[in-house]
């Protein structure tokens, strides 16, 4: 299959969504951390070390003061000259709603992620950067094995998946589900037949940047690509030649499924790099994203490399709105209200106490985000590492630029 080299094209709409999600991510991590502190308020000096884990390019103190509707500033009880912060009433409402929305299917998302790996197991430290993206609770390392002992096990700081008690439909990719729904009576096993069969192979939805969709060489290349048999990312691919076109399509399917597991259909490149070997991806896997701009969008917004699933968004909104994403939109609304009205922001919030017994926050969705870097910190991301038995230098992709 002859490959076509395509030029990267900036997408301002997706860049803005990355901007906004990045700022919401920083707020949610801070809310989660402050809620777990035994003796609030927390001094700003103790939060300053989280600047890199949060990815902020300016001090954490400035970020906290910028959002008074989420974080209340007050003098420290022992040192009045030292600023300290605690949560507002709106933050308590949001935290309760975030916890309920996270409990919907977060364990299934983690199970599918583990099912994509070769050993059905991952180090807990590799899952930490994905905690916000997958919508996992901070104590997933202890709560998931307790709530689902037949599904998860934690040992030696690794969480593993029990393949003997998996739900029947968990190993079906989102692409197979979509095609099964479109074709009456078709089963997911019959949808990955070879091109010589009567059923056409599965095709990835393509949304090319402006100007690419009509190019004849691009159309011919994509037709050849879609004729290749589809290999489910949950199937064993050890018998396929890693240098073949079929294996490349398998990798595209795996990345498609991985991004589809994320709440916001986007993830940082460095988070995938931690999983690269277990997922069976090539060392220079970023080239897969730049080679298929109709499926993925690669962004340098917020001073990091973010990967987005194009089909996940339509006109600036998520196509499949997860309950957790809906609550995070309300977090964004509370943030924006604090920026617009500062000290009067709490009085401007619209709180409906009758909705879901905890409150509803309504508002529009425009807000400018903040730059973030690649590092992660266990304490900031909040994870309890508890083994069942009672025990308790990232390399850059050389040549991956575009």
Protein backbone atom coordinates (compact mmCIF):
# COMPACT_ATOMS: atom_id res chain seq x y z
CA UNK A 1 0.00 0.00 0.00
CA UNK A 2 1.54 3.28 -1.14
CA UNK A 3 1.46 5.91 1.58
CA UNK A 4 0.82 9.61 1.00
CA UNK A 5 2.71 12.20 3.01
CA UNK A 6 0.26 14.85 4.23
CA UNK A 7 1.00 18.26 5.67
CA UNK A 8 -0.23 19.02 9.18
CA UNK A 9 -3.12 21.49 9.26
CA UNK A 10 -4.11 23.42 12.38
CA UNK A 11 -7.68 23.09 13.66
CA UNK A 12 -8.59 26.13 15.76
CA UNK A 13 -11.84 24.61 16.99
CA UNK A 14 -10.18 21.51 18.42
CA UNK A 15 -7.33 23.61 19.83
CA UNK A 16 -9.86 25.69 21.74
CA UNK A 17 -11.47 22.52 23.14
CA UNK A 18 -8.04 21.32 24.29
CA UNK A 19 -7.48 24.72 25.91
CA UNK A 20 -10.74 24.50 27.83
CA UNK A 21 -10.37 20.84 28.85
CA UNK A 22 -6.85 21.55 30.09
CA UNK A 23 -8.05 24.28 32.46
CA UNK A 24 -10.91 22.09 33.72
CA UNK A 25 -8.44 19.27 34.29
CA UNK A 26 -6.29 21.47 36.53
CA UNK A 27 -9.34 22.57 38.52
CA UNK A 28 -10.66 19.04 39.00
CA UNK A 29 -7.30 17.77 40.25
CA UNK A 30 -7.06 20.65 42.73
CA UNK A 31 -10.63 20.12 43.91
CA UNK A 32 -9.93 16.44 44.42
CA UNK A 33 -6.73 17.13 46.36
CA UNK A 34 -8.20 19.81 48.63
CA UNK A 35 -11.24 17.63 49.40
CA UNK A 36 -8.95 14.88 50.72
CA UNK A 37 -7.04 17.10 53.15
CA UNK A 38 -7.87 16.37 56.80
CA UNK A 39 -7.40 19.94 58.10
CA UNK A 40 -8.43 22.72 55.72
CA UNK A 41 -7.60 25.39 54.78
CA UNK A 42 -4.45 24.33 52.92
CA UNK A 43 -1.63 26.91 52.73
CA UNK A 44 -0.76 28.11 49.25
CA UNK A 45 2.87 27.23 49.91
CA UNK A 46 1.91 23.55 50.17
CA UNK A 47 0.13 23.74 46.80
CA UNK A 48 2.97 25.51 45.00
CA UNK A 49 4.80 22.23 44.35
CA UNK A 50 1.88 21.03 42.21
CA UNK A 51 2.55 23.55 39.45
CA UNK A 52 4.26 20.96 37.24
CA UNK A 53 1.80 18.09 37.88
CA UNK A 54 -1.04 20.48 37.05
CA UNK A 55 0.94 21.68 34.06
CA UNK A 56 0.47 25.36 34.83
CA UNK A 57 2.93 27.81 33.33
CA UNK A 58 2.26 30.30 36.13
CA UNK A 59 2.07 29.92 39.94
CA UNK A 60 -0.70 27.81 41.46
CA UNK A 61 -1.57 30.73 43.75
CA UNK A 62 -2.54 32.85 40.75
CA UNK A 63 -4.69 30.04 39.37
CA UNK A 64 -6.51 29.63 42.70
CA UNK A 65 -7.17 33.35 43.03
CA UNK A 66 -8.45 33.49 39.47
CA UNK A 67 -11.30 31.12 40.36
CA UNK A 68 -12.86 32.33 43.62
CA UNK A 69 -16.08 30.43 42.88
CA UNK A 70 -14.17 27.16 43.38
CA UNK A 71 -11.50 28.09 45.91
CA UNK A 72 -11.97 30.33 48.95
CA UNK A 73 -8.93 32.29 50.12
CA UNK A 74 -8.54 32.96 53.82
CA UNK A 75 -5.70 33.62 56.29
CA UNK A 76 -3.95 30.60 57.70
CA UNK A 77 -5.12 29.83 61.28
CA UNK A 78 -1.59 29.78 62.70
CA UNK A 79 0.14 32.20 60.31
CA UNK A 80 -2.30 35.00 59.37
CA UNK A 81 0.06 36.47 56.77
CA UNK A 82 0.13 33.18 54.86
CA UNK A 83 -2.70 32.73 52.28
CA UNK A 84 -4.62 29.47 52.50
CA UNK A 85 -7.44 27.94 50.49
CA UNK A 86 -10.49 25.75 51.06
CA UNK A 87 -13.46 24.69 48.95
CA UNK A 88 -16.62 26.70 48.34
CA UNK A 89 -20.20 25.42 48.57
CA UNK A 90 -20.33 25.14 44.80
CA UNK A 91 -17.17 22.99 44.89
CA UNK A 92 -18.77 20.58 47.36
CA UNK A 93 -21.79 20.20 45.08
CA UNK A 94 -19.57 19.61 42.05
CA UNK A 95 -17.42 17.05 43.85
CA UNK A 96 -20.48 15.02 44.80
CA UNK A 97 -21.77 15.08 41.23
CA UNK A 98 -18.32 14.21 39.84
CA UNK A 99 -18.12 11.19 42.15
CA UNK A 100 -21.55 9.91 41.05
CA UNK A 101 -20.79 10.41 37.36
CA UNK A 102 -17.40 8.70 37.71
CA UNK A 103 -19.02 5.62 39.23
CA UNK A 104 -21.16 4.97 36.13
CA UNK A 105 -18.68 2.94 34.08
CA UNK A 106 -15.14 3.88 35.12
CA UNK A 107 -14.32 0.29 36.10
CA UNK A 108 -15.32 -0.92 32.63
CA UNK A 109 -13.12 1.71 31.00
CA UNK A 110 -10.15 0.53 33.03
CA UNK A 111 -10.97 -3.10 32.23
CA UNK A 112 -11.00 -2.36 28.50
CA UNK A 113 -7.68 -0.52 28.79
CA UNK A 114 -6.10 -3.53 30.49
CA UNK A 115 -7.66 -5.80 27.88
CA UNK A 116 -5.84 -3.86 25.16
CA UNK A 117 -2.44 -4.67 26.68
CA UNK A 118 -0.39 -7.79 26.03
CA UNK A 119 -0.17 -8.97 29.64
CA UNK A 120 -3.62 -7.72 30.77
CA UNK A 121 -1.71 -5.81 33.44
CA UNK A 122 -0.25 -2.31 33.89
CA UNK A 123 1.86 -0.52 36.50
CA UNK A 124 -0.27 1.81 38.59
CA UNK A 125 2.16 4.63 37.79
CA UNK A 126 1.35 4.24 34.07
CA UNK A 127 -2.38 4.62 34.72
CA UNK A 128 -1.98 7.76 36.88
CA UNK A 129 -1.64 10.21 33.93
CA UNK A 130 -4.87 8.75 32.51
CA UNK A 131 -6.92 9.04 35.69
CA UNK A 132 -8.67 12.25 34.61
CA UNK A 133 -9.09 11.06 31.01
CA UNK A 134 -10.63 7.72 32.05
CA UNK A 135 -12.66 9.30 34.85
CA UNK A 136 -11.18 7.07 37.55
CA UNK A 137 -11.60 7.84 41.27
CA UNK A 138 -8.45 8.69 43.19
CA UNK A 139 -8.62 5.43 45.17
CA UNK A 140 -9.27 3.14 42.20
CA UNK A 141 -6.25 0.98 43.14
CA UNK A 142 -8.00 -0.09 46.34
CA UNK A 143 -11.71 0.43 45.60
CA UNK A 144 -11.89 -1.44 42.27
CA UNK A 145 -10.41 -4.75 43.55
CA UNK A 146 -12.69 -4.51 46.60
CA UNK A 147 -15.85 -3.75 44.60
CA UNK A 148 -14.96 -6.10 41.71
CA UNK A 149 -12.74 -8.87 43.16
CA UNK A 150 -13.54 -11.18 40.24
CA UNK A 151 -12.34 -8.56 37.74
CA UNK A 152 -9.30 -6.73 39.19
CA UNK A 153 -6.30 -7.66 41.32
CA UNK A 154 -3.49 -5.43 42.61
CA UNK A 155 -0.05 -6.78 43.42
CA UNK A 156 3.45 -5.28 43.39
CA UNK A 157 2.06 -1.89 42.32
CA UNK A 158 0.49 -3.47 39.22
CA UNK A 159 -3.21 -3.82 38.52
CA UNK A 160 -4.21 -6.86 36.48
CA UNK A 161 -7.38 -8.07 34.83
CA UNK A 162 -9.01 -11.44 35.34
CA UNK A 163 -9.98 -12.69 31.86
CA UNK A 164 -12.06 -15.57 33.25
CA UNK A 165 -14.94 -13.40 34.46
CA UNK A 166 -15.19 -10.67 31.83
CA UNK A 167 -18.57 -9.42 30.57
CA UNK A 168 -19.52 -10.97 27.24
CA UNK A 169 -19.47 -7.78 25.18
CA UNK A 170 -16.44 -6.08 26.73
CA UNK A 171 -13.99 -7.26 24.04
CA UNK A 172 -15.93 -5.63 21.19
CA UNK A 173 -14.44 -2.43 19.83
CA UNK A 174 -16.48 0.74 19.35
CA UNK A 175 -16.03 0.42 15.58
CA UNK A 176 -17.46 -3.10 15.63
CA UNK A 177 -20.37 -1.99 17.79
CA UNK A 178 -21.22 0.83 15.40
CA UNK A 179 -21.16 -1.45 12.38
CA UNK A 180 -23.15 -4.15 14.18
CA UNK A 181 -25.85 -1.60 14.93
CA UNK A 182 -25.87 -0.43 11.30
CA UNK A 183 -26.08 -3.93 9.85
CA UNK A 184 -29.15 -5.81 11.03
CA UNK A 185 -28.37 -9.27 12.32
CA UNK A 186 -24.60 -8.97 11.88
CA UNK A 187 -22.34 -10.22 14.66
CA UNK A 188 -19.05 -8.62 15.57
CA UNK A 189 -17.13 -11.78 14.56
CA UNK A 190 -18.51 -11.55 11.03
CA UNK A 191 -17.44 -7.96 10.62
CA UNK A 192 -13.69 -8.57 10.39
CA UNK A 193 -13.63 -10.91 7.41
CA UNK A 194 -11.07 -10.61 4.65
CA UNK A 195 -11.68 -8.29 1.65
CA UNK A 196 -12.56 -11.31 -0.52
CA UNK A 197 -15.69 -12.02 1.55
CA UNK A 198 -19.11 -10.67 0.70
CA UNK A 199 -19.03 -8.35 3.72
CA UNK A 200 -16.85 -5.26 3.27
CA UNK A 201 -14.11 -4.72 5.90
CA UNK A 202 -14.71 -2.14 8.60
CA UNK A 203 -13.89 1.44 7.63
CA UNK A 204 -12.81 4.20 9.98
CA UNK A 205 -14.85 7.41 9.85
CA UNK A 206 -12.75 10.02 8.05
CA UNK A 207 -12.92 13.78 8.62
CA UNK A 208 -10.07 15.26 6.67
CA UNK A 209 -8.83 18.83 7.11
CA UNK A 210 -10.15 21.27 4.54
CA UNK A 211 -8.63 20.58 1.12
CA UNK A 212 -7.58 16.96 1.71
CA UNK A 213 -10.87 15.16 1.17
CA UNK A 214 -11.00 15.93 -2.55
CA UNK A 215 -7.41 14.95 -3.40
CA UNK A 216 -7.38 11.94 -5.73
CA UNK A 217 -4.18 10.48 -4.30
CA UNK A 218 -5.58 10.70 -0.78
CA UNK A 219 -8.85 9.03 -1.85
CA UNK A 220 -6.98 6.21 -3.59
CA UNK A 221 -4.74 5.70 -0.56
CA UNK A 222 -7.68 5.55 1.85
CA UNK A 223 -9.57 3.11 -0.39
CA UNK A 224 -6.58 0.76 -0.31
CA UNK A 225 -6.34 1.22 3.45
CA UNK A 226 -10.01 0.38 4.01
CA UNK A 227 -9.74 -2.76 1.88
CA UNK A 228 -7.30 -4.24 4.39
CA UNK A 229 -8.91 -6.62 6.91
CA UNK A 230 -9.82 -5.11 10.25
CA UNK A 231 -8.09 -6.68 13.26
CA UNK A 232 -9.85 -6.04 16.53
CA UNK A 233 -7.54 -4.34 19.06
CA UNK A 234 -8.71 -6.90 21.62
CA UNK A 235 -7.53 -9.84 19.47
CA UNK A 236 -4.04 -11.33 19.64
CA UNK A 237 -1.84 -9.76 16.95
CA UNK A 238 1.39 -11.61 17.76
CA UNK A 239 1.24 -13.59 14.52
CA UNK A 240 1.11 -10.51 12.28
CA UNK A 241 4.26 -9.06 10.69
CA UNK A 242 4.98 -5.75 12.51
CA UNK A 243 6.17 -4.20 9.24
CA UNK A 244 3.04 -5.08 7.27
CA UNK A 245 0.19 -2.78 6.28
CA UNK A 246 -2.25 -5.01 8.16
CA UNK A 247 -0.35 -4.45 11.41
CA UNK A 248 -0.39 -0.70 10.79
CA UNK A 249 -4.17 -0.84 10.39
CA UNK A 250 -4.30 -2.86 13.60
CA UNK A 251 -2.37 -0.08 15.35
CA UNK A 252 -4.75 2.54 13.97
CA UNK A 253 -7.65 0.48 15.29
CA UNK A 254 -5.98 0.17 18.67
CA UNK A 255 -5.35 3.93 18.95
CA UNK A 256 -8.90 4.57 17.74
CA UNK A 257 -10.26 2.35 20.51
CA UNK A 258 -7.90 3.83 23.13
CA UNK A 259 -8.98 7.41 22.41
CA UNK A 260 -12.59 6.24 22.34
CA UNK A 261 -12.23 5.06 25.94
CA UNK A 262 -11.35 8.58 27.10
CA UNK A 263 -14.15 10.75 28.46
CA UNK A 264 -13.16 13.70 26.25
CA UNK A 265 -11.85 11.59 23.32
CA UNK A 266 -8.40 13.11 23.75
CA UNK A 267 -5.22 12.21 25.59
CA UNK A 268 -1.65 13.46 25.95
CA UNK A 269 0.99 11.77 23.86
CA UNK A 270 3.28 11.16 26.85
CA UNK A 271 0.52 9.21 28.59
CA UNK A 272 0.40 6.81 25.63
CA UNK A 273 4.19 6.61 25.60
CA UNK A 274 4.07 5.01 29.05
CA UNK A 275 1.85 2.26 27.59
CA UNK A 276 3.65 1.87 24.26
CA UNK A 277 5.36 -1.47 24.88
CA UNK A 278 2.33 -3.08 26.47
CA UNK A 279 0.11 -1.92 23.61
CA UNK A 280 2.57 -3.17 21.00
CA UNK A 281 3.00 0.24 19.36
CA UNK A 282 6.14 1.17 17.39
CA UNK A 283 8.74 3.45 18.97
CA UNK A 284 7.85 6.35 16.66
CA UNK A 285 4.11 5.91 17.12
CA UNK A 286 3.36 9.64 16.70
CA UNK A 287 3.79 9.15 12.95
CA UNK A 288 0.60 7.09 12.97
CA UNK A 289 -1.33 10.17 14.04
CA UNK A 290 0.24 12.49 11.48
CA UNK A 291 -0.18 9.89 8.71
CA UNK A 292 -3.95 9.58 9.24
CA UNK A 293 -5.25 13.13 9.79
CA UNK A 294 -8.74 12.04 8.79
CA UNK A 295 -8.98 9.88 11.93
CA UNK A 296 -6.85 11.80 14.45
CA UNK A 297 -5.84 15.36 15.18
CA UNK A 298 -2.48 16.11 16.75
CA UNK A 299 -2.21 19.43 18.59
CA UNK A 300 0.62 21.37 20.23
CA UNK A 301 -1.77 23.56 22.22
CA UNK A 302 -1.04 24.23 25.91
CA UNK A 303 2.67 23.51 25.42
CA UNK A 304 2.16 19.77 25.13
CA UNK A 305 1.23 17.26 22.44
CA UNK A 306 -2.41 16.22 22.62
CA UNK A 307 -4.08 13.57 20.47
CA UNK A 308 -7.76 13.91 19.59
CA UNK A 309 -10.21 11.51 17.95
CA UNK A 310 -11.84 13.60 15.23
CA UNK A 311 -15.10 11.67 15.09
CA UNK A 312 -15.59 12.30 18.79
CA UNK A 313 -16.55 15.93 18.14
CA UNK A 314 -19.18 17.54 15.97
CA UNK A 315 -19.42 21.34 15.76
CA UNK A 316 -17.37 21.83 18.88
CA UNK A 317 -19.32 19.37 21.06
CA UNK A 318 -18.83 15.77 22.08
CA UNK A 319 -20.91 13.42 19.93
CA UNK A 320 -21.37 11.00 22.85
CA UNK A 321 -21.76 13.15 25.97
CA UNK A 322 -20.67 11.09 28.96
CA UNK A 323 -22.31 12.04 32.31
CA UNK A 324 -18.86 12.89 33.68
CA UNK A 325 -18.18 15.24 30.76
CA UNK A 326 -21.51 16.96 31.47
CA UNK A 327 -20.53 17.63 35.08
CA UNK A 328 -17.12 18.88 33.98
CA UNK A 329 -18.88 21.36 31.71
CA UNK A 330 -20.54 22.68 34.85
CA UNK A 331 -17.11 22.95 36.50
CA UNK A 332 -16.09 25.09 33.54
CA UNK A 333 -19.17 27.26 33.98
CA UNK A 334 -18.35 27.86 37.66
CA UNK A 335 -14.74 28.68 36.70
CA UNK A 336 -15.84 31.16 34.05
CA UNK A 337 -18.29 32.83 36.43
CA UNK A 338 -15.45 33.40 38.87
CA UNK A 339 -13.31 34.97 36.16
CA UNK A 340 -16.09 37.30 35.02
CA UNK A 341 -17.42 38.40 38.41
CA UNK A 342 -14.51 37.67 40.78
CA UNK A 343 -15.67 38.21 44.36
CA UNK A 344 -19.33 38.38 43.33
CA UNK A 345 -19.18 35.12 41.36
CA UNK A 346 -20.83 32.93 43.99
CA UNK A 347 -23.90 35.15 44.03
CA UNK A 348 -24.15 34.92 40.23
CA UNK A 349 -24.19 31.11 40.09
CA UNK A 350 -27.48 29.39 39.25
CA UNK A 351 -27.87 26.46 41.65
CA UNK A 352 -30.88 24.16 41.39
CA UNK A 353 -30.98 22.18 44.63
CA UNK A 354 -33.85 19.98 43.44
CA UNK A 355 -31.87 18.28 40.68
CA UNK A 356 -30.32 14.95 41.69
CA UNK A 357 -30.45 16.01 45.34
CA UNK A 358 -27.10 17.78 45.03
CA UNK A 359 -27.58 20.70 42.70
CA UNK A 360 -27.27 21.73 39.09
CA UNK A 361 -25.01 24.41 37.65
CA UNK A 362 -26.02 25.88 34.34
CA UNK A 363 -24.11 28.17 32.04
CA UNK A 364 -22.39 28.60 28.70
CA UNK A 365 -19.14 27.00 27.70
CA UNK A 366 -16.58 29.54 26.52
CA UNK A 367 -13.40 29.86 28.51
CA UNK A 368 -9.71 30.20 27.84
CA UNK A 369 -7.41 27.49 29.24
CA UNK A 370 -3.87 27.32 30.51
CA UNK A 371 -0.64 25.79 29.29
CA UNK A 372 0.52 22.47 30.78
CA UNK A 373 3.63 20.31 30.58
CA UNK A 374 4.15 16.56 30.59
CA UNK A 375 4.97 15.66 34.20
CA UNK A 376 2.76 13.82 36.66
CA UNK A 377 2.87 13.57 40.44
CA UNK A 378 1.33 10.75 42.47
CA UNK A 379 0.27 12.98 45.35
CA UNK A 380 -1.45 15.51 43.11
CA UNK A 381 -3.24 12.91 41.02
CA UNK A 382 -4.30 11.18 44.22
CA UNK A 383 -4.00 7.42 44.23
CA UNK A 384 -3.92 4.92 47.04
CA UNK A 385 -1.64 1.98 46.22
CA UNK A 386 -2.87 -1.04 48.18
CA UNK A 387 -1.86 -4.58 47.31
CA UNK A 388 -4.29 -7.42 47.81
CA UNK A 389 -1.69 -9.33 49.78
CA UNK A 390 -1.25 -6.42 52.19
CA UNK A 391 1.99 -5.01 50.78
CA UNK A 392 1.54 -1.89 49.86
CA UNK A 393 13.02 9.55 32.19
CA UNK A 394 10.64 9.49 29.45
CA UNK A 395 12.33 9.11 26.07
CA UNK A 396 11.22 11.46 23.36
CA UNK A 397 10.13 10.02 20.03
CA UNK A 398 13.03 11.01 17.88
CA UNK A 399 11.84 12.22 14.53
CA UNK A 400 8.20 12.43 15.58
CA UNK A 401 7.87 16.13 14.85
CA UNK A 402 5.81 17.44 12.00
